[in-house]
Amino acid sequence: MNNLNISDSASLQIQEMMKEEESEQTRLRFGVKGGGCSGLSYAMGFDDEVNEELDITFDANGIPVVMNKQDLDVVVGTTIDFKQNMMGGGFTIDNPNAIANCGCGSSFKTATNAGTPDKDC
């Protein structure tokens, strides 16, 4: 199973965004952090640093990706997509490991990792 799947539309959007980054070593950093309504939230941004001991690097649909090794079990097989509609566009994340999601779509929990939900949700 793939570590992470990036759709063609998401890949095009990410490539456009990466052009604005100053470093040629820039990678998409994807992972999870504690918090959100369901306990875990996705984290996605750009990073030009890789910690050889903590991170894994790979290519997903032409996008160089870096991810903390600890996050891999929680997001393996996840697909990042980009959807455009009349109200604008945005990234969507489909995680086959998630057993519950909150209404905003950016918070989830898995059978083995529930995280700690935010009190304000």
PDB file of N, CA and C in Angstrom:
ATOM      1  N   MET A   1       0.852  -1.190   0.000  1.00  0.00           N
ATOM      2  CA  MET A   1       0.000   0.000   0.000  1.00  0.00           C
ATOM      3  C   MET A   1       0.889   1.242   0.000  1.00  0.00           C
ATOM      4  N   ASN A   2       0.463   2.259  -0.718  1.00  0.00           N
ATOM      5  CA  ASN A   2       1.226   3.501  -0.796  1.00  0.00           C
ATOM      6  C   ASN A   2       1.208   4.242   0.529  1.00  0.00           C
ATOM      7  N   ASN A   3       2.304   4.911   0.818  1.00  0.00           N
ATOM      8  CA  ASN A   3       2.363   5.747   2.007  1.00  0.00           C
ATOM      9  C   ASN A   3       1.324   6.849   1.937  1.00  0.00           C
ATOM     10  N   LEU A   4       1.253   7.516   0.771  1.00  0.00           N
ATOM     11  CA  LEU A   4       0.371   8.662   0.595  1.00  0.00           C
ATOM     12  C   LEU A   4       0.077   8.797  -0.889  1.00  0.00           C
ATOM     13  N   ASN A   5      -1.184   9.016  -1.221  1.00  0.00           N
ATOM     14  CA  ASN A   5      -1.592   9.221  -2.605  1.00  0.00           C
ATOM     15  C   ASN A   5      -1.947  10.691  -2.790  1.00  0.00           C
ATOM     16  N   ILE A   6      -1.478  11.268  -3.879  1.00  0.00           N
ATOM     17  CA  ILE A   6      -1.811  12.649  -4.209  1.00  0.00           C
ATOM     18  C   ILE A   6      -2.442  12.634  -5.585  1.00  0.00           C
ATOM     19  N   SER A   7      -3.675  13.120  -5.679  1.00  0.00           N
ATOM     20  CA  SER A   7      -4.388  13.129  -6.956  1.00  0.00           C
ATOM     21  C   SER A   7      -3.700  14.075  -7.936  1.00  0.00           C
ATOM     22  N   ASP A   8      -4.044  13.931  -9.216  1.00  0.00           N
ATOM     23  CA  ASP A   8      -3.466  14.809 -10.231  1.00  0.00           C
ATOM     24  C   ASP A   8      -3.796  16.276  -9.958  1.00  0.00           C
ATOM     25  N   SER A   9      -5.054  16.554  -9.571  1.00  0.00           N
ATOM     26  CA  SER A   9      -5.429  17.953  -9.323  1.00  0.00           C
ATOM     27  C   SER A   9      -4.693  18.515  -8.104  1.00  0.00           C
ATOM     28  N   ALA A  10      -4.519  17.708  -7.063  1.00  0.00           N
ATOM     29  CA  ALA A  10      -3.769  18.166  -5.887  1.00  0.00           C
ATOM     30  C   ALA A  10      -2.298  18.345  -6.236  1.00  0.00           C
ATOM     31  N   SER A  11      -1.759  17.448  -7.043  1.00  0.00           N
ATOM     32  CA  SER A  11      -0.362  17.547  -7.446  1.00  0.00           C
ATOM     33  C   SER A  11      -0.108  18.847  -8.214  1.00  0.00           C
ATOM     34  N   LEU A  12      -0.998  19.184  -9.129  1.00  0.00           N
ATOM     35  CA  LEU A  12      -0.845  20.431  -9.885  1.00  0.00           C
ATOM     36  C   LEU A  12      -0.893  21.649  -8.962  1.00  0.00           C
ATOM     37  N   GLN A  13      -1.818  21.634  -8.011  1.00  0.00           N
ATOM     38  CA  GLN A  13      -1.953  22.755  -7.077  1.00  0.00           C
ATOM     39  C   GLN A  13      -0.714  22.871  -6.181  1.00  0.00           C
ATOM     40  N   ILE A  14      -0.226  21.749  -5.693  1.00  0.00           N
ATOM     41  CA  ILE A  14       0.954  21.751  -4.824  1.00  0.00           C
ATOM     42  C   ILE A  14       2.179  22.224  -5.605  1.00  0.00           C
ATOM     43  N   GLN A  15       2.326  21.766  -6.857  1.00  0.00           N
ATOM     44  CA  GLN A  15       3.456  22.203  -7.677  1.00  0.00           C
ATOM     45  C   GLN A  15       3.436  23.715  -7.885  1.00  0.00           C
ATOM     46  N   GLU A  16       2.265  24.276  -8.116  1.00  0.00           N
ATOM     47  CA  GLU A  16       2.146  25.732  -8.276  1.00  0.00           C
ATOM     48  C   GLU A  16       2.558  26.450  -6.987  1.00  0.00           C
ATOM     49  N   MET A  17       2.127  25.926  -5.862  1.00  0.00           N
ATOM     50  CA  MET A  17       2.456  26.534  -4.570  1.00  0.00           C
ATOM     51  C   MET A  17       3.949  26.404  -4.274  1.00  0.00           C
ATOM     52  N   MET A  18       4.553  25.285  -4.665  1.00  0.00           N
ATOM     53  CA  MET A  18       5.972  25.061  -4.403  1.00  0.00           C
ATOM     54  C   MET A  18       6.853  26.028  -5.190  1.00  0.00           C
ATOM     55  N   LYS A  19       6.361  26.521  -6.330  1.00  0.00           N
ATOM     56  CA  LYS A  19       7.129  27.475  -7.129  1.00  0.00           C
ATOM     57  C   LYS A  19       7.407  28.756  -6.347  1.00  0.00           C
ATOM     58  N   GLU A  20       6.561  29.054  -5.374  1.00  0.00           N
ATOM     59  CA  GLU A  20       6.720  30.273  -4.579  1.00  0.00           C
ATOM     60  C   GLU A  20       7.712  30.093  -3.432  1.00  0.00           C
ATOM     61  N   GLU A  21       8.110  28.856  -3.161  1.00  0.00           N
ATOM     62  CA  GLU A  21       9.065  28.584  -2.093  1.00  0.00           C
ATOM     63  C   GLU A  21      10.477  28.929  -2.573  1.00  0.00           C
ATOM     64  N   GLU A  22      11.309  29.401  -1.665  1.00  0.00           N
ATOM     65  CA  GLU A  22      12.649  29.868  -2.028  1.00  0.00           C
ATOM     66  C   GLU A  22      13.666  28.747  -2.186  1.00  0.00           C
ATOM     67  N   SER A  23      13.500  27.660  -1.476  1.00  0.00           N
ATOM     68  CA  SER A  23      14.481  26.588  -1.491  1.00  0.00           C
ATOM     69  C   SER A  23      14.138  25.540  -2.556  1.00  0.00           C
ATOM     70  N   GLU A  24      15.163  25.068  -3.256  1.00  0.00           N
ATOM     71  CA  GLU A  24      14.952  23.990  -4.219  1.00  0.00           C
ATOM     72  C   GLU A  24      14.815  22.644  -3.517  1.00  0.00           C
ATOM     73  N   GLN A  25      15.093  22.597  -2.218  1.00  0.00           N
ATOM     74  CA  GLN A  25      14.979  21.371  -1.429  1.00  0.00           C
ATOM     75  C   GLN A  25      13.598  21.236  -0.774  1.00  0.00           C
ATOM     76  N   THR A  26      12.690  22.134  -1.116  1.00  0.00           N
ATOM     77  CA  THR A  26      11.369  22.147  -0.484  1.00  0.00           C
ATOM     78  C   THR A  26      10.607  20.869  -0.793  1.00  0.00           C
ATOM     79  N   ARG A  27       9.990  20.326   0.242  1.00  0.00           N
ATOM     80  CA  ARG A  27       9.145  19.139   0.143  1.00  0.00           C
ATOM     81  C   ARG A  27       7.799  19.439   0.786  1.00  0.00           C
ATOM     82  N   LEU A  28       6.810  18.680   0.415  1.00  0.00           N
ATOM     83  CA  LEU A  28       5.537  18.738   1.101  1.00  0.00           C
ATOM     84  C   LEU A  28       5.688  17.956   2.396  1.00  0.00           C
ATOM     85  N   ARG A  29       5.447  18.598   3.536  1.00  0.00           N
ATOM     86  CA  ARG A  29       5.456  17.881   4.810  1.00  0.00           C
ATOM     87  C   ARG A  29       4.010  17.589   5.174  1.00  0.00           C
ATOM     88  N   PHE A  30       3.720  16.299   5.350  1.00  0.00           N
ATOM     89  CA  PHE A  30       2.370  15.864   5.686  1.00  0.00           C
ATOM     90  C   PHE A  30       2.435  14.998   6.928  1.00  0.00           C
ATOM     91  N   GLY A  31       1.462  15.162   7.812  1.00  0.00           N
ATOM     92  CA  GLY A  31       1.422  14.346   9.017  1.00  0.00           C
ATOM     93  C   GLY A  31       0.215  14.680   9.854  1.00  0.00           C
ATOM     94  N   VAL A  32       0.291  14.303  11.117  1.00  0.00           N
ATOM     95  CA  VAL A  32      -0.800  14.548  12.047  1.00  0.00           C
ATOM     96  C   VAL A  32      -0.260  15.176  13.315  1.00  0.00           C
ATOM     97  N   LYS A  33      -1.157  15.842  14.031  1.00  0.00           N
ATOM     98  CA  LYS A  33      -0.823  16.400  15.332  1.00  0.00           C
ATOM     99  C   LYS A  33      -2.031  16.180  16.231  1.00  0.00           C
ATOM    100  N   GLY A  34      -1.818  16.193  17.514  1.00  0.00           N
ATOM    101  CA  GLY A  34      -2.912  16.055  18.464  1.00  0.00           C
ATOM    102  C   GLY A  34      -3.795  17.279  18.453  1.00  0.00           C
ATOM    103  N   GLY A  35      -5.083  17.067  18.675  1.00  0.00           N
ATOM    104  CA  GLY A  35      -6.021  18.186  18.745  1.00  0.00           C
ATOM    105  C   GLY A  35      -7.155  18.024  17.764  1.00  0.00           C
ATOM    106  N   GLY A  36      -7.941  19.066  17.621  1.00  0.00           N
ATOM    107  CA  GLY A  36      -9.114  18.994  16.765  1.00  0.00           C
ATOM    108  C   GLY A  36     -10.282  18.385  17.510  1.00  0.00           C
ATOM    109  N   CYS A  37     -11.425  18.377  16.888  1.00  0.00           N
ATOM    110  CA  CYS A  37     -12.644  17.883  17.539  1.00  0.00           C
ATOM    111  C   CYS A  37     -12.589  16.383  17.823  1.00  0.00           C
ATOM    112  N   SER A  38     -11.936  15.625  16.940  1.00  0.00           N
ATOM    113  CA  SER A  38     -11.919  14.175  17.086  1.00  0.00           C
ATOM    114  C   SER A  38     -10.651  13.640  17.730  1.00  0.00           C
ATOM    115  N   GLY A  39      -9.649  14.487  17.936  1.00  0.00           N
ATOM    116  CA  GLY A  39      -8.447  14.053  18.637  1.00  0.00           C
ATOM    117  C   GLY A  39      -7.169  14.197  17.845  1.00  0.00           C
ATOM    118  N   LEU A  40      -7.230  14.045  16.524  1.00  0.00           N
ATOM    119  CA  LEU A  40      -6.062  14.208  15.669  1.00  0.00           C
ATOM    120  C   LEU A  40      -6.415  15.170  14.546  1.00  0.00           C
ATOM    121  N   SER A  41      -5.450  15.964  14.115  1.00  0.00           N
ATOM    122  CA  SER A  41      -5.645  16.882  13.004  1.00  0.00           C
ATOM    123  C   SER A  41      -4.525  16.673  11.993  1.00  0.00           C
ATOM    124  N   TYR A  42      -4.842  16.906  10.737  1.00  0.00           N
ATOM    125  CA  TYR A  42      -3.827  16.810   9.692  1.00  0.00           C
ATOM    126  C   TYR A  42      -2.956  18.053   9.704  1.00  0.00           C
ATOM    127  N   ALA A  43      -1.694  17.860   9.367  1.00  0.00           N
ATOM    128  CA  ALA A  43      -0.753  18.965   9.235  1.00  0.00           C
ATOM    129  C   ALA A  43      -0.142  18.871   7.841  1.00  0.00           C
ATOM    130  N   MET A  44      -0.201  19.972   7.098  1.00  0.00           N
ATOM    131  CA  MET A  44       0.318  19.972   5.745  1.00  0.00           C
ATOM    132  C   MET A  44       0.954  21.330   5.477  1.00  0.00           C
ATOM    133  N   GLY A  45       2.171  21.310   4.987  1.00  0.00           N
ATOM    134  CA  GLY A  45       2.880  22.538   4.678  1.00  0.00           C
ATOM    135  C   GLY A  45       4.148  22.207   3.917  1.00  0.00           C
ATOM    136  N   PHE A  46       5.023  23.181   3.776  1.00  0.00           N
ATOM    137  CA  PHE A  46       6.270  22.962   3.061  1.00  0.00           C
ATOM    138  C   PHE A  46       7.436  23.001   4.043  1.00  0.00           C
ATOM    139  N   ASP A  47       8.444  22.184   3.751  1.00  0.00           N
ATOM    140  CA  ASP A  47       9.605  22.095   4.627  1.00  0.00           C
ATOM    141  C   ASP A  47      10.823  21.780   3.771  1.00  0.00           C
ATOM    142  N   ASP A  48      11.931  22.432   4.059  1.00  0.00           N
ATOM    143  CA  ASP A  48      13.160  22.122   3.325  1.00  0.00           C
ATOM    144  C   ASP A  48      14.172  21.395   4.206  1.00  0.00           C
ATOM    145  N   GLU A  49      13.711  20.946   5.382  1.00  0.00           N
ATOM    146  CA  GLU A  49      14.589  20.207   6.284  1.00  0.00           C
ATOM    147  C   GLU A  49      14.052  18.798   6.502  1.00  0.00           C
ATOM    148  N   VAL A  50      14.964  17.849   6.569  1.00  0.00           N
ATOM    149  CA  VAL A  50      14.622  16.455   6.817  1.00  0.00           C
ATOM    150  C   VAL A  50      15.482  15.960   7.968  1.00  0.00           C
ATOM    151  N   ASN A  51      14.853  15.376   8.981  1.00  0.00           N
ATOM    152  CA  ASN A  51      15.571  14.760  10.082  1.00  0.00           C
ATOM    153  C   ASN A  51      15.713  13.280   9.740  1.00  0.00           C
ATOM    154  N   GLU A  52      16.927  12.863   9.406  1.00  0.00           N
ATOM    155  CA  GLU A  52      17.172  11.491   8.938  1.00  0.00           C
ATOM    156  C   GLU A  52      16.713  10.429   9.945  1.00  0.00           C
ATOM    157  N   GLU A  53      16.736  10.747  11.225  1.00  0.00           N
ATOM    158  CA  GLU A  53      16.343   9.776  12.253  1.00  0.00           C
ATOM    159  C   GLU A  53      14.827   9.690  12.419  1.00  0.00           C
ATOM    160  N   LEU A  54      14.123  10.814  12.254  1.00  0.00           N
ATOM    161  CA  LEU A  54      12.691  10.859  12.535  1.00  0.00           C
ATOM    162  C   LEU A  54      11.800  10.820  11.300  1.00  0.00           C
ATOM    163  N   ASP A  55      12.323  11.224  10.148  1.00  0.00           N
ATOM    164  CA  ASP A  55      11.501  11.398   8.961  1.00  0.00           C
ATOM    165  C   ASP A  55      11.696  10.298   7.926  1.00  0.00           C
ATOM    166  N   ILE A  56      10.687  10.147   7.096  1.00  0.00           N
ATOM    167  CA  ILE A  56      10.742   9.308   5.907  1.00  0.00           C
ATOM    168  C   ILE A  56      10.474  10.235   4.723  1.00  0.00           C
ATOM    169  N   THR A  57      11.161  10.001   3.610  1.00  0.00           N
ATOM    170  CA  THR A  57      10.945  10.800   2.413  1.00  0.00           C
ATOM    171  C   THR A  57      10.557   9.863   1.271  1.00  0.00           C
ATOM    172  N   PHE A  58       9.702  10.353   0.382  1.00  0.00           N
ATOM    173  CA  PHE A  58       9.277   9.574  -0.772  1.00  0.00           C
ATOM    174  C   PHE A  58       8.643  10.517  -1.784  1.00  0.00           C
ATOM    175  N   ASP A  59       8.342   9.990  -2.945  1.00  0.00           N
ATOM    176  CA  ASP A  59       7.705  10.755  -4.004  1.00  0.00           C
ATOM    177  C   ASP A  59       6.268  10.259  -4.153  1.00  0.00           C
ATOM    178  N   ALA A  60       5.318  11.185  -4.272  1.00  0.00           N
ATOM    179  CA  ALA A  60       3.918  10.834  -4.493  1.00  0.00           C
ATOM    180  C   ALA A  60       3.395  11.672  -5.655  1.00  0.00           C
ATOM    181  N   ASN A  61       3.174  11.045  -6.783  1.00  0.00           N
ATOM    182  CA  ASN A  61       2.655  11.699  -7.981  1.00  0.00           C
ATOM    183  C   ASN A  61       3.473  12.940  -8.363  1.00  0.00           C
ATOM    184  N   GLY A  62       4.807  12.791  -8.311  1.00  0.00           N
ATOM    185  CA  GLY A  62       5.691  13.873  -8.704  1.00  0.00           C
ATOM    186  C   GLY A  62       5.982  14.891  -7.618  1.00  0.00           C
ATOM    187  N   ILE A  63       5.426  14.699  -6.429  1.00  0.00           N
ATOM    188  CA  ILE A  63       5.634  15.633  -5.322  1.00  0.00           C
ATOM    189  C   ILE A  63       6.596  14.993  -4.320  1.00  0.00           C
ATOM    190  N   PRO A  64       7.711  15.664  -4.008  1.00  0.00           N
ATOM    191  CA  PRO A  64       8.582  15.149  -2.951  1.00  0.00           C
ATOM    192  C   PRO A  64       7.910  15.373  -1.593  1.00  0.00           C
ATOM    193  N   VAL A  65       7.827  14.301  -0.803  1.00  0.00           N
ATOM    194  CA  VAL A  65       7.109  14.337   0.471  1.00  0.00           C
ATOM    195  C   VAL A  65       8.048  13.960   1.602  1.00  0.00           C
ATOM    196  N   VAL A  66       7.882  14.625   2.740  1.00  0.00           N
ATOM    197  CA  VAL A  66       8.568  14.257   3.977  1.00  0.00           C
ATOM    198  C   VAL A  66       7.499  14.070   5.051  1.00  0.00           C
ATOM    199  N   MET A  67       7.684  13.023   5.857  1.00  0.00           N
ATOM    200  CA  MET A  67       6.707  12.714   6.890  1.00  0.00           C
ATOM    201  C   MET A  67       7.426  12.102   8.096  1.00  0.00           C
ATOM    202  N   ASN A  68       6.955  12.441   9.279  1.00  0.00           N
ATOM    203  CA  ASN A  68       7.495  11.827  10.483  1.00  0.00           C
ATOM    204  C   ASN A  68       7.130  10.352  10.463  1.00  0.00           C
ATOM    205  N   LYS A  69       8.100   9.483  10.723  1.00  0.00           N
ATOM    206  CA  LYS A  69       7.867   8.032  10.693  1.00  0.00           C
ATOM    207  C   LYS A  69       6.736   7.610  11.630  1.00  0.00           C
ATOM    208  N   GLN A  70       6.569   8.319  12.747  1.00  0.00           N
ATOM    209  CA  GLN A  70       5.519   7.966  13.709  1.00  0.00           C
ATOM    210  C   GLN A  70       4.115   8.189  13.149  1.00  0.00           C
ATOM    211  N   ASP A  71       3.977   9.084  12.176  1.00  0.00           N
ATOM    212  CA  ASP A  71       2.662   9.375  11.598  1.00  0.00           C
ATOM    213  C   ASP A  71       2.253   8.373  10.533  1.00  0.00           C
ATOM    214  N   LEU A  72       3.196   7.618  10.030  1.00  0.00           N
ATOM    215  CA  LEU A  72       2.944   6.756   8.889  1.00  0.00           C
ATOM    216  C   LEU A  72       1.798   5.770   9.115  1.00  0.00           C
ATOM    217  N   ASP A  73       1.762   5.091  10.248  1.00  0.00           N
ATOM    218  CA  ASP A  73       0.704   4.109  10.497  1.00  0.00           C
ATOM    219  C   ASP A  73      -0.681   4.735  10.506  1.00  0.00           C
ATOM    220  N   VAL A  74      -0.776   5.987  10.905  1.00  0.00           N
ATOM    221  CA  VAL A  74      -2.069   6.667  11.021  1.00  0.00           C
ATOM    222  C   VAL A  74      -2.573   7.142   9.661  1.00  0.00           C
ATOM    223  N   VAL A  75      -1.654   7.412   8.719  1.00  0.00           N
ATOM    224  CA  VAL A  75      -2.064   7.996   7.438  1.00  0.00           C
ATOM    225  C   VAL A  75      -1.743   7.130   6.224  1.00  0.00           C
ATOM    226  N   VAL A  76      -1.178   5.944   6.404  1.00  0.00           N
ATOM    227  CA  VAL A  76      -0.831   5.107   5.254  1.00  0.00           C
ATOM    228  C   VAL A  76      -2.081   4.858   4.401  1.00  0.00           C
ATOM    229  N   GLY A  77      -1.930   5.052   3.098  1.00  0.00           N
ATOM    230  CA  GLY A  77      -3.047   4.872   2.179  1.00  0.00           C
ATOM    231  C   GLY A  77      -3.936   6.086   2.000  1.00  0.00           C
ATOM    232  N   THR A  78      -3.633   7.177   2.688  1.00  0.00           N
ATOM    233  CA  THR A  78      -4.437   8.395   2.607  1.00  0.00           C
ATOM    234  C   THR A  78      -4.280   9.045   1.229  1.00  0.00           C
ATOM    235  N   THR A  79      -5.356   9.640   0.746  1.00  0.00           N
ATOM    236  CA  THR A  79      -5.343  10.363  -0.524  1.00  0.00           C
ATOM    237  C   THR A  79      -5.615  11.842  -0.282  1.00  0.00           C
ATOM    238  N   ILE A  80      -4.745  12.678  -0.826  1.00  0.00           N
ATOM    239  CA  ILE A  80      -4.946  14.132  -0.818  1.00  0.00           C
ATOM    240  C   ILE A  80      -5.480  14.516  -2.186  1.00  0.00           C
ATOM    241  N   ASP A  81      -6.573  15.246  -2.211  1.00  0.00           N
ATOM    242  CA  ASP A  81      -7.173  15.704  -3.456  1.00  0.00           C
ATOM    243  C   ASP A  81      -7.375  17.206  -3.369  1.00  0.00           C
ATOM    244  N   PHE A  82      -7.580  17.841  -4.498  1.00  0.00           N
ATOM    245  CA  PHE A  82      -7.903  19.265  -4.542  1.00  0.00           C
ATOM    246  C   PHE A  82      -9.172  19.421  -5.350  1.00  0.00           C
ATOM    247  N   LYS A  83     -10.174  20.035  -4.738  1.00  0.00           N
ATOM    248  CA  LYS A  83     -11.469  20.213  -5.395  1.00  0.00           C
ATOM    249  C   LYS A  83     -11.743  21.697  -5.569  1.00  0.00           C
ATOM    250  N   GLN A  84     -12.185  22.048  -6.757  1.00  0.00           N
ATOM    251  CA  GLN A  84     -12.533  23.422  -7.095  1.00  0.00           C
ATOM    252  C   GLN A  84     -14.044  23.494  -7.283  1.00  0.00           C
ATOM    253  N   ASN A  85     -14.671  24.512  -6.680  1.00  0.00           N
ATOM    254  CA  ASN A  85     -16.094  24.726  -6.900  1.00  0.00           C
ATOM    255  C   ASN A  85     -16.348  26.223  -6.988  1.00  0.00           C
ATOM    256  N   MET A  86     -17.600  26.615  -7.070  1.00  0.00           N
ATOM    257  CA  MET A  86     -17.944  28.030  -7.247  1.00  0.00           C
ATOM    258  C   MET A  86     -17.529  28.891  -6.061  1.00  0.00           C
ATOM    259  N   MET A  87     -17.351  28.281  -4.898  1.00  0.00           N
ATOM    260  CA  MET A  87     -16.972  29.018  -3.691  1.00  0.00           C
ATOM    261  C   MET A  87     -15.456  29.067  -3.509  1.00  0.00           C
ATOM    262  N   GLY A  88     -14.719  28.493  -4.433  1.00  0.00           N
ATOM    263  CA  GLY A  88     -13.272  28.461  -4.312  1.00  0.00           C
ATOM    264  C   GLY A  88     -12.778  27.032  -4.386  1.00  0.00           C
ATOM    265  N   GLY A  89     -11.644  26.795  -3.838  1.00  0.00           N
ATOM    266  CA  GLY A  89     -11.071  25.459  -3.876  1.00  0.00           C
ATOM    267  C   GLY A  89     -10.387  25.127  -2.577  1.00  0.00           C
ATOM    268  N   GLY A  90     -10.095  23.861  -2.416  1.00  0.00           N
ATOM    269  CA  GLY A  90      -9.410  23.442  -1.209  1.00  0.00           C
ATOM    270  C   GLY A  90      -8.991  21.986  -1.281  1.00  0.00           C
ATOM    271  N   PHE A  91      -8.082  21.631  -0.420  1.00  0.00           N
ATOM    272  CA  PHE A  91      -7.611  20.257  -0.338  1.00  0.00           C
ATOM    273  C   PHE A  91      -8.585  19.430   0.491  1.00  0.00           C
ATOM    274  N   THR A  92      -8.777  18.190   0.065  1.00  0.00           N
ATOM    275  CA  THR A  92      -9.564  17.237   0.835  1.00  0.00           C
ATOM    276  C   THR A  92      -8.671  16.044   1.139  1.00  0.00           C
ATOM    277  N   ILE A  93      -8.925  15.415   2.261  1.00  0.00           N
ATOM    278  CA  ILE A  93      -8.107  14.286   2.698  1.00  0.00           C
ATOM    279  C   ILE A  93      -9.021  13.110   2.978  1.00  0.00           C
ATOM    280  N   ASP A  94      -8.737  11.990   2.308  1.00  0.00           N
ATOM    281  CA  ASP A  94      -9.498  10.753   2.499  1.00  0.00           C
ATOM    282  C   ASP A  94      -8.558   9.731   3.133  1.00  0.00           C
ATOM    283  N   ASN A  95      -8.776   9.477   4.410  1.00  0.00           N
ATOM    284  CA  ASN A  95      -7.919   8.585   5.183  1.00  0.00           C
ATOM    285  C   ASN A  95      -8.672   7.291   5.473  1.00  0.00           C
ATOM    286  N   PRO A  96      -8.256   6.159   4.879  1.00  0.00           N
ATOM    287  CA  PRO A  96      -8.956   4.901   5.116  1.00  0.00           C
ATOM    288  C   PRO A  96      -8.803   4.382   6.547  1.00  0.00           C
ATOM    289  N   ASN A  97      -7.884   4.949   7.307  1.00  0.00           N
ATOM    290  CA  ASN A  97      -7.652   4.533   8.688  1.00  0.00           C
ATOM    291  C   ASN A  97      -8.557   5.258   9.679  1.00  0.00           C
ATOM    292  N   ALA A  98      -9.199   6.334   9.250  1.00  0.00           N
ATOM    293  CA  ALA A  98     -10.051   7.128  10.142  1.00  0.00           C
ATOM    294  C   ALA A  98     -11.362   6.392  10.395  1.00  0.00           C
ATOM    295  N   ILE A  99     -11.726   6.269  11.673  1.00  0.00           N
ATOM    296  CA  ILE A  99     -13.006   5.641  12.020  1.00  0.00           C
ATOM    297  C   ILE A  99     -14.036   6.683  12.409  1.00  0.00           C
ATOM    298  N   ALA A 100     -13.593   7.921  12.634  1.00  0.00           N
ATOM    299  CA  ALA A 100     -14.506   9.019  12.957  1.00  0.00           C
ATOM    300  C   ALA A 100     -13.864  10.320  12.503  1.00  0.00           C
ATOM    301  N   ASN A 101     -14.680  11.205  11.940  1.00  0.00           N
ATOM    302  CA  ASN A 101     -14.241  12.527  11.513  1.00  0.00           C
ATOM    303  C   ASN A 101     -15.153  13.568  12.129  1.00  0.00           C
ATOM    304  N   CYS A 102     -14.645  14.764  12.319  1.00  0.00           N
ATOM    305  CA  CYS A 102     -15.513  15.841  12.780  1.00  0.00           C
ATOM    306  C   CYS A 102     -16.136  16.532  11.575  1.00  0.00           C
ATOM    307  N   GLY A 103     -17.060  17.392  11.817  1.00  0.00           N
ATOM    308  CA  GLY A 103     -17.774  18.071  10.750  1.00  0.00           C
ATOM    309  C   GLY A 103     -16.902  18.924   9.854  1.00  0.00           C
ATOM    310  N   CYS A 104     -15.808  19.459  10.378  1.00  0.00           N
ATOM    311  CA  CYS A 104     -14.954  20.333   9.566  1.00  0.00           C
ATOM    312  C   CYS A 104     -14.104  19.535   8.592  1.00  0.00           C
ATOM    313  N   GLY A 105     -13.960  18.233   8.816  1.00  0.00           N
ATOM    314  CA  GLY A 105     -13.209  17.386   7.904  1.00  0.00           C
ATOM    315  C   GLY A 105     -11.713  17.374   8.108  1.00  0.00           C
ATOM    316  N   SER A 106     -11.195  18.137   9.051  1.00  0.00           N
ATOM    317  CA  SER A 106      -9.747  18.162   9.254  1.00  0.00           C
ATOM    318  C   SER A 106      -9.331  17.459  10.539  1.00  0.00           C
ATOM    319  N   SER A 107     -10.275  16.900  11.241  1.00  0.00           N
ATOM    320  CA  SER A 107      -9.985  16.215  12.497  1.00  0.00           C
ATOM    321  C   SER A 107     -10.548  14.798  12.421  1.00  0.00           C
ATOM    322  N   PHE A 108      -9.819  13.846  13.002  1.00  0.00           N
ATOM    323  CA  PHE A 108     -10.217  12.446  12.896  1.00  0.00           C
ATOM    324  C   PHE A 108      -9.634  11.635  14.041  1.00  0.00           C
ATOM    325  N   LYS A 109     -10.052  10.388  14.135  1.00  0.00           N
ATOM    326  CA  LYS A 109      -9.401   9.431  15.024  1.00  0.00           C
ATOM    327  C   LYS A 109      -9.386   8.089  14.327  1.00  0.00           C
ATOM    328  N   THR A 110      -8.444   7.243  14.737  1.00  0.00           N
ATOM    329  CA  THR A 110      -8.326   5.907  14.179  1.00  0.00           C
ATOM    330  C   THR A 110      -8.621   4.901  15.281  1.00  0.00           C
ATOM    331  N   ALA A 111      -8.716   3.647  14.910  1.00  0.00           N
ATOM    332  CA  ALA A 111      -8.993   2.600  15.893  1.00  0.00           C
ATOM    333  C   ALA A 111      -7.871   2.484  16.908  1.00  0.00           C
ATOM    334  N   THR A 112      -6.641   2.793  16.498  1.00  0.00           N
ATOM    335  CA  THR A 112      -5.497   2.649  17.400  1.00  0.00           C
ATOM    336  C   THR A 112      -4.983   3.958  17.961  1.00  0.00           C
ATOM    337  N   ASN A 113      -5.481   5.092  17.460  1.00  0.00           N
ATOM    338  CA  ASN A 113      -4.976   6.378  17.921  1.00  0.00           C
ATOM    339  C   ASN A 113      -6.096   7.396  17.921  1.00  0.00           C
ATOM    340  N   ALA A 114      -6.600   7.706  19.096  1.00  0.00           N
ATOM    341  CA  ALA A 114      -7.701   8.663  19.212  1.00  0.00           C
ATOM    342  C   ALA A 114      -7.204  10.076  19.463  1.00  0.00           C
ATOM    343  N   GLY A 115      -5.959  10.241  19.889  1.00  0.00           N
ATOM    344  CA  GLY A 115      -5.473  11.583  20.190  1.00  0.00           C
ATOM    345  C   GLY A 115      -6.218  12.191  21.362  1.00  0.00           C
ATOM    346  N   THR A 116      -6.083  13.479  21.549  1.00  0.00           N
ATOM    347  CA  THR A 116      -6.763  14.199  22.625  1.00  0.00           C
ATOM    348  C   THR A 116      -7.568  15.330  22.004  1.00  0.00           C
ATOM    349  N   PRO A 117      -8.905  15.228  22.024  1.00  0.00           N
ATOM    350  CA  PRO A 117      -9.732  16.282  21.413  1.00  0.00           C
ATOM    351  C   PRO A 117      -9.538  17.628  22.105  1.00  0.00           C
ATOM    352  N   ASP A 118      -9.679  18.704  21.319  1.00  0.00           N
ATOM    353  CA  ASP A 118      -9.665  20.045  21.878  1.00  0.00           C
ATOM    354  C   ASP A 118     -10.934  20.266  22.702  1.00  0.00           C
ATOM    355  N   LYS A 119     -10.827  21.016  23.776  1.00  0.00           N
ATOM    356  CA  LYS A 119     -11.978  21.282  24.645  1.00  0.00           C
ATOM    357  C   LYS A 119     -12.993  22.192  23.977  1.00  0.00           C
ATOM    358  N   ASP A 120     -12.553  23.030  23.030  1.00  0.00           N
ATOM    359  CA  ASP A 120     -13.432  24.026  22.426  1.00  0.00           C
ATOM    360  C   ASP A 120     -14.310  23.475  21.297  1.00  0.00           C
ATOM    361  N   CYS A 121     -14.110  22.253  20.905  1.00  0.00           N
ATOM    362  CA  CYS A 121     -14.875  21.706  19.772  1.00  0.00           C
ATOM    363  C   CYS A 121     -16.236  21.181  20.200  1.00  0.00           C
TER     364      CYS A 121
END
